[in-house]
Protein backbone atom coordinates (compact mmCIF):
# COMPACT_ATOMS: atom_id res chain seq x y z
CA MET A 1 -66.21 119.62 -71.07
CA SER A 2 -69.49 121.41 -71.74
CA ALA A 3 -69.52 120.11 -75.33
CA LEU A 4 -69.89 116.56 -74.03
CA PRO A 5 -73.39 115.17 -73.48
CA ASP A 6 -74.50 114.90 -69.88
CA ILE A 7 -74.09 111.27 -68.84
CA HIS A 8 -75.86 110.35 -65.63
CA VAL A 9 -74.50 106.91 -64.77
CA GLU A 10 -77.26 106.27 -62.23
CA ARG A 11 -79.85 106.48 -65.01
CA LEU A 12 -78.14 104.13 -67.46
CA PRO A 13 -79.12 100.45 -67.71
CA LEU A 14 -76.62 98.40 -65.71
CA ALA A 15 -75.96 96.15 -68.69
CA LEU A 16 -74.94 99.21 -70.71
CA VAL A 17 -72.69 100.45 -67.89
CA TYR A 18 -71.01 97.03 -67.81
CA ALA A 19 -70.58 97.00 -71.59
CA ILE A 20 -69.07 100.50 -71.62
CA THR A 21 -66.69 99.74 -68.74
CA ALA A 22 -65.52 96.30 -69.88
CA GLY A 23 -65.41 97.40 -73.52
CA GLY A 24 -63.32 100.41 -72.60
CA PHE A 25 -60.83 98.30 -70.64
CA LEU A 26 -60.70 95.79 -73.48
CA SER A 27 -59.98 98.48 -76.05
CA ILE A 28 -57.21 100.19 -74.12
CA TYR A 29 -55.65 96.87 -73.04
CA PHE A 30 -55.18 95.64 -76.59
CA GLY A 31 -54.63 99.11 -78.07
CA ILE A 32 -51.98 100.30 -75.63
CA GLY A 33 -50.54 96.83 -75.05
CA GLY A 34 -50.17 96.21 -78.77
CA LEU A 35 -48.68 99.63 -79.40
CA THR A 36 -46.21 99.27 -76.51
CA HIS A 37 -45.24 95.79 -77.70
CA LEU A 38 -44.51 97.21 -81.18
CA LEU A 39 -42.52 100.12 -79.76
CA VAL A 40 -40.23 98.02 -77.56
CA ALA A 41 -39.81 95.21 -80.07
CA ARG A 42 -39.12 97.26 -83.19
CA VAL A 43 -39.46 101.04 -83.14
CA LEU A 44 -37.36 102.10 -80.14
CA PRO A 45 -34.46 99.69 -80.84
CA ALA A 46 -34.40 100.87 -84.47
CA LEU A 47 -34.18 104.47 -83.26
CA GLY A 48 -31.47 103.63 -80.74
CA ALA A 49 -33.64 105.02 -77.95
CA GLY A 50 -33.32 103.33 -74.56
CA ARG A 51 -32.48 99.66 -74.16
CA PRO A 52 -34.15 96.34 -73.28
CA ILE A 53 -33.84 95.41 -69.61
CA ALA A 54 -34.14 91.63 -69.23
CA ASP A 55 -32.98 89.40 -72.06
CA ARG A 56 -34.56 86.25 -70.62
CA ALA A 57 -36.73 84.32 -73.06
CA LEU A 58 -40.48 84.36 -72.52
CA ALA A 59 -41.95 81.25 -70.94
CA PRO A 60 -43.64 78.90 -73.42
CA GLY A 61 -47.17 80.15 -74.10
CA GLN A 62 -46.67 83.20 -71.86
CA LEU A 63 -48.36 85.78 -74.09
CA GLY A 64 -51.45 83.61 -74.68
CA ARG A 65 -51.79 82.88 -70.96
CA GLU A 66 -51.39 86.56 -70.07
CA ILE A 67 -54.09 87.59 -72.53
CA ARG A 68 -56.52 84.92 -71.26
CA GLN A 69 -55.97 85.95 -67.64
CA SER A 70 -56.31 89.62 -68.58
CA LEU A 71 -59.71 88.97 -70.15
CA VAL A 72 -60.92 87.62 -66.81
CA SER A 73 -59.51 90.69 -65.02
CA ILE A 74 -61.27 92.99 -67.50
CA ALA A 75 -64.56 91.18 -66.85
CA ILE A 76 -64.07 91.90 -63.13
CA PHE A 77 -63.19 95.55 -63.77
CA GLY A 78 -66.44 95.86 -65.71
CA GLY A 79 -68.24 94.86 -62.54
CA TYR A 80 -66.74 97.87 -60.76
CA GLY A 81 -68.39 100.12 -63.34
CA VAL A 82 -71.72 98.55 -62.41
CA LEU A 83 -70.91 99.01 -58.72
CA THR A 84 -70.25 102.70 -59.37
CA ALA A 85 -73.69 103.07 -60.98
CA ILE A 86 -75.41 101.11 -58.18
CA GLY A 87 -73.68 103.22 -55.52
CA ALA A 88 -74.79 106.41 -57.28
CA ARG A 89 -78.38 105.13 -57.44
CA ALA A 90 -78.29 104.28 -53.74
CA GLY A 91 -76.92 107.69 -52.78
CA LEU A 92 -73.64 106.29 -51.47
CA TRP A 93 -71.76 108.70 -53.73
CA THR A 94 -72.35 111.18 -56.52
CA VAL A 95 -71.00 111.00 -60.06
CA LEU A 96 -71.11 114.34 -61.86
CA PRO A 97 -71.90 114.23 -65.58
CA VAL A 98 -69.37 116.95 -66.49
CA ARG A 99 -66.55 118.99 -64.99
CA SER A 100 -64.19 121.65 -66.34
CA PRO A 101 -60.95 120.46 -68.01
CA GLY A 102 -58.99 121.88 -65.08
CA GLY A 103 -61.20 120.02 -62.62
CA VAL A 104 -60.71 116.76 -64.51
CA ALA A 105 -56.94 117.31 -64.52
CA LEU A 106 -56.94 117.84 -60.74
CA GLU A 107 -59.07 114.73 -60.19
CA LEU A 108 -56.72 112.68 -62.36
CA ALA A 109 -53.68 114.03 -60.53
CA PHE A 110 -55.22 113.04 -57.20
CA LEU A 111 -56.11 109.58 -58.50
CA VAL A 112 -52.56 109.01 -59.77
CA LEU A 113 -51.23 109.72 -56.26
CA TRP A 114 -53.98 107.72 -54.56
CA ASN A 115 -53.36 104.84 -56.96
CA ASP A 116 -49.72 104.70 -55.85
CA VAL A 117 -50.78 104.43 -52.19
CA HIS A 118 -53.54 101.91 -52.91
CA PHE A 119 -51.32 99.77 -55.14
CA TYR A 120 -48.46 99.73 -52.64
CA ALA A 121 -50.77 98.65 -49.80
CA ILE A 122 -52.49 95.92 -51.82
CA HIS A 123 -49.20 94.77 -53.32
CA ARG A 124 -47.54 94.39 -49.92
CA LEU A 125 -50.60 92.46 -48.74
CA LEU A 126 -50.35 90.16 -51.76
CA HIS A 127 -46.77 89.35 -50.83
CA GLY A 128 -47.90 87.82 -47.56
CA ARG A 129 -47.17 84.09 -47.54
CA TRP A 130 -50.69 82.75 -48.12
CA LEU A 131 -51.82 85.36 -50.65
CA PHE A 132 -48.60 85.07 -52.58
CA GLN A 133 -48.76 81.28 -52.78
CA HIS A 134 -52.44 81.14 -53.73
CA VAL A 135 -53.06 84.44 -55.54
CA HIS A 136 -50.17 86.72 -56.49
CA ARG A 137 -47.92 83.93 -57.74
CA GLU A 138 -50.01 83.93 -60.94
CA HIS A 139 -48.78 87.41 -61.83
CA HIS A 140 -45.20 86.45 -60.99
CA ARG A 141 -45.23 83.66 -63.52
CA ALA A 142 -44.05 86.46 -65.80
CA ILE A 143 -40.40 86.40 -64.73
CA ARG A 144 -39.83 88.60 -67.77
CA PRO A 145 -42.76 91.05 -67.89
CA THR A 146 -44.43 92.12 -71.13
CA PRO A 147 -46.98 94.84 -71.95
CA PHE A 148 -49.62 92.09 -71.80
CA SER A 149 -48.63 91.20 -68.21
CA THR A 150 -50.43 94.24 -66.84
CA TYR A 151 -53.79 92.57 -66.14
CA ALA A 152 -52.50 88.97 -66.07
CA MET A 153 -53.40 88.05 -62.50
CA HIS A 154 -55.56 85.88 -60.29
CA PRO A 155 -59.23 87.00 -60.12
CA ILE A 156 -58.86 87.81 -56.41
CA GLU A 157 -55.95 90.13 -57.19
CA ALA A 158 -58.02 91.81 -59.92
CA LEU A 159 -60.83 92.26 -57.40
CA LEU A 160 -58.48 93.87 -54.87
CA LEU A 161 -56.64 96.15 -57.29
CA GLY A 162 -59.85 97.10 -59.09
CA SER A 163 -61.19 98.67 -55.88
CA VAL A 164 -58.99 101.75 -56.30
CA MET A 165 -61.86 104.04 -57.39
CA VAL A 166 -64.78 102.85 -55.27
CA LEU A 167 -62.81 103.31 -52.04
CA VAL A 168 -62.56 107.08 -52.58
CA GLN A 169 -65.86 107.74 -54.35
CA PRO A 170 -67.78 108.23 -51.07
CA PHE A 171 -65.49 111.19 -50.25
CA HIS A 172 -65.59 113.11 -53.53
CA ALA A 173 -68.01 113.52 -56.43
CA PHE A 174 -65.85 112.46 -59.35
CA SER A 175 -66.96 113.29 -62.87
CA VAL A 176 -67.79 110.95 -65.74
CA PRO A 177 -64.86 112.25 -67.87
CA THR A 178 -62.50 111.44 -65.00
CA LEU A 179 -63.96 107.95 -64.59
CA LEU A 180 -63.52 107.34 -68.31
CA LEU A 181 -59.99 108.75 -68.52
CA PHE A 182 -58.43 107.29 -65.37
CA PRO A 183 -58.30 103.67 -66.65
CA LEU A 184 -56.41 104.97 -69.69
CA VAL A 185 -53.94 106.89 -67.51
CA SER A 186 -53.56 103.91 -65.15
CA LEU A 187 -52.93 101.46 -67.98
CA LEU A 188 -50.34 103.76 -69.55
CA MET A 189 -48.47 103.76 -66.23
CA ASN A 190 -48.94 100.00 -65.85
CA ASN A 191 -47.56 99.40 -69.34
CA LEU A 192 -44.58 101.54 -68.47
CA GLY A 193 -43.87 99.25 -65.52
CA HIS A 194 -44.21 96.05 -67.53
CA MET A 195 -42.67 97.02 -70.88
CA ASN A 196 -39.24 95.54 -70.01
CA TYR A 197 -37.58 98.49 -71.71
CA ASP A 198 -35.54 101.19 -70.03
CA LEU A 199 -36.48 104.52 -71.61
CA VAL A 200 -34.01 106.50 -69.48
CA PRO A 201 -30.97 104.25 -68.85
CA GLY A 202 -28.84 107.18 -67.78
CA ARG A 203 -31.27 108.49 -65.17
CA GLY A 204 -31.77 107.48 -61.54
CA VAL A 205 -34.68 105.54 -60.07
CA TRP A 206 -36.53 108.73 -59.09
CA HIS A 207 -37.25 109.50 -62.73
CA PRO A 208 -40.90 108.51 -63.43
CA LEU A 209 -39.87 106.76 -66.67
CA ALA A 210 -37.55 104.52 -64.65
CA ALA A 211 -40.64 102.65 -63.46
CA ALA A 212 -39.92 99.91 -66.02
CA ARG A 213 -36.49 99.32 -64.48
CA ARG A 214 -37.86 99.30 -60.94
CA HIS A 215 -40.73 96.93 -61.69
CA GLU A 216 -38.58 94.52 -63.72
CA ARG A 217 -36.42 94.16 -60.62
CA HIS A 218 -39.54 93.32 -58.64
CA HIS A 219 -40.43 90.53 -61.08
CA ARG A 220 -36.82 89.29 -60.99
CA HIS A 221 -36.26 89.43 -57.21
CA VAL A 222 -39.93 88.88 -56.21
CA THR A 223 -39.72 91.02 -53.07
CA GLY A 224 -39.08 94.77 -52.90
CA ASN A 225 -40.07 97.63 -55.23
CA TYR A 226 -43.76 97.29 -54.43
CA GLY A 227 -44.69 100.77 -55.67
CA PHE A 228 -46.54 101.59 -58.88
CA LEU A 229 -45.19 104.70 -60.62
CA LEU A 230 -43.06 106.49 -58.03
CA PRO A 231 -40.40 105.09 -55.66
CA VAL A 232 -41.45 107.31 -52.74
CA LEU A 233 -43.21 104.69 -50.59
CA ASP A 234 -40.54 102.07 -51.24
CA ARG A 235 -37.91 104.56 -50.08
CA TRP A 236 -39.88 105.62 -46.99
CA LEU A 237 -40.85 102.08 -46.00
CA ARG A 238 -37.44 100.57 -46.82
CA SER A 239 -38.63 98.13 -49.44
CA GLU A 240 -36.55 99.56 -52.27
CA ILE A 241 -34.29 97.29 -54.34
CA ALA A 242 -30.98 99.05 -54.80
CA ASP A 243 -30.28 100.43 -58.27
CA GLY A 244 -27.94 98.16 -60.20
CA ARG A 245 -29.08 94.82 -58.74
């Protein structure tokens, strides 16, 4: 990572931090979402790889609504980039400009695991009666999920889920490369869960690529399968939807 310029987020203008963060989320949302949509609609079926999961028709205007809601979520996520810079300026945490490739890989591995814990906790909270009726129901309007469902949610839900990084930043000095790469890694996993395409139909639910199958069941049954990438917490906390339902 030494070839990268040193980026000290605490020294950057907050407007620039917001533009970089929101612009980055915008780029990966449409880039990865569009690519995933193309893969599951045309490329993978043509290759005979995997199979679609739910054959229910999309709700009228679903894709347009999902994109509009996602733009609001991305605007909120941009605010978390500003919060990261403000926290670094105030000395609440440190953001390192660079780290070795191995260090970045370890940070990303930790964040993937932490994200699963954070997502499960927030997701279970959102399925409480009041929060589901007034907040999380918006995301569940996608009875058949699509790659563009990933950020289609109520602003309060975006605010809660977007807190995944700032909650752990006081305990570890993450690096700028990690902060830039983690949204990409997270969105790739989120697209996997919402792509409505089973990449490994012959494998069990413990396979990481079975996340699409697990999360489609969550959208179909509403309760259960609250986890993000791995089924570990659902198994331990007995919220797993049985394979085959």
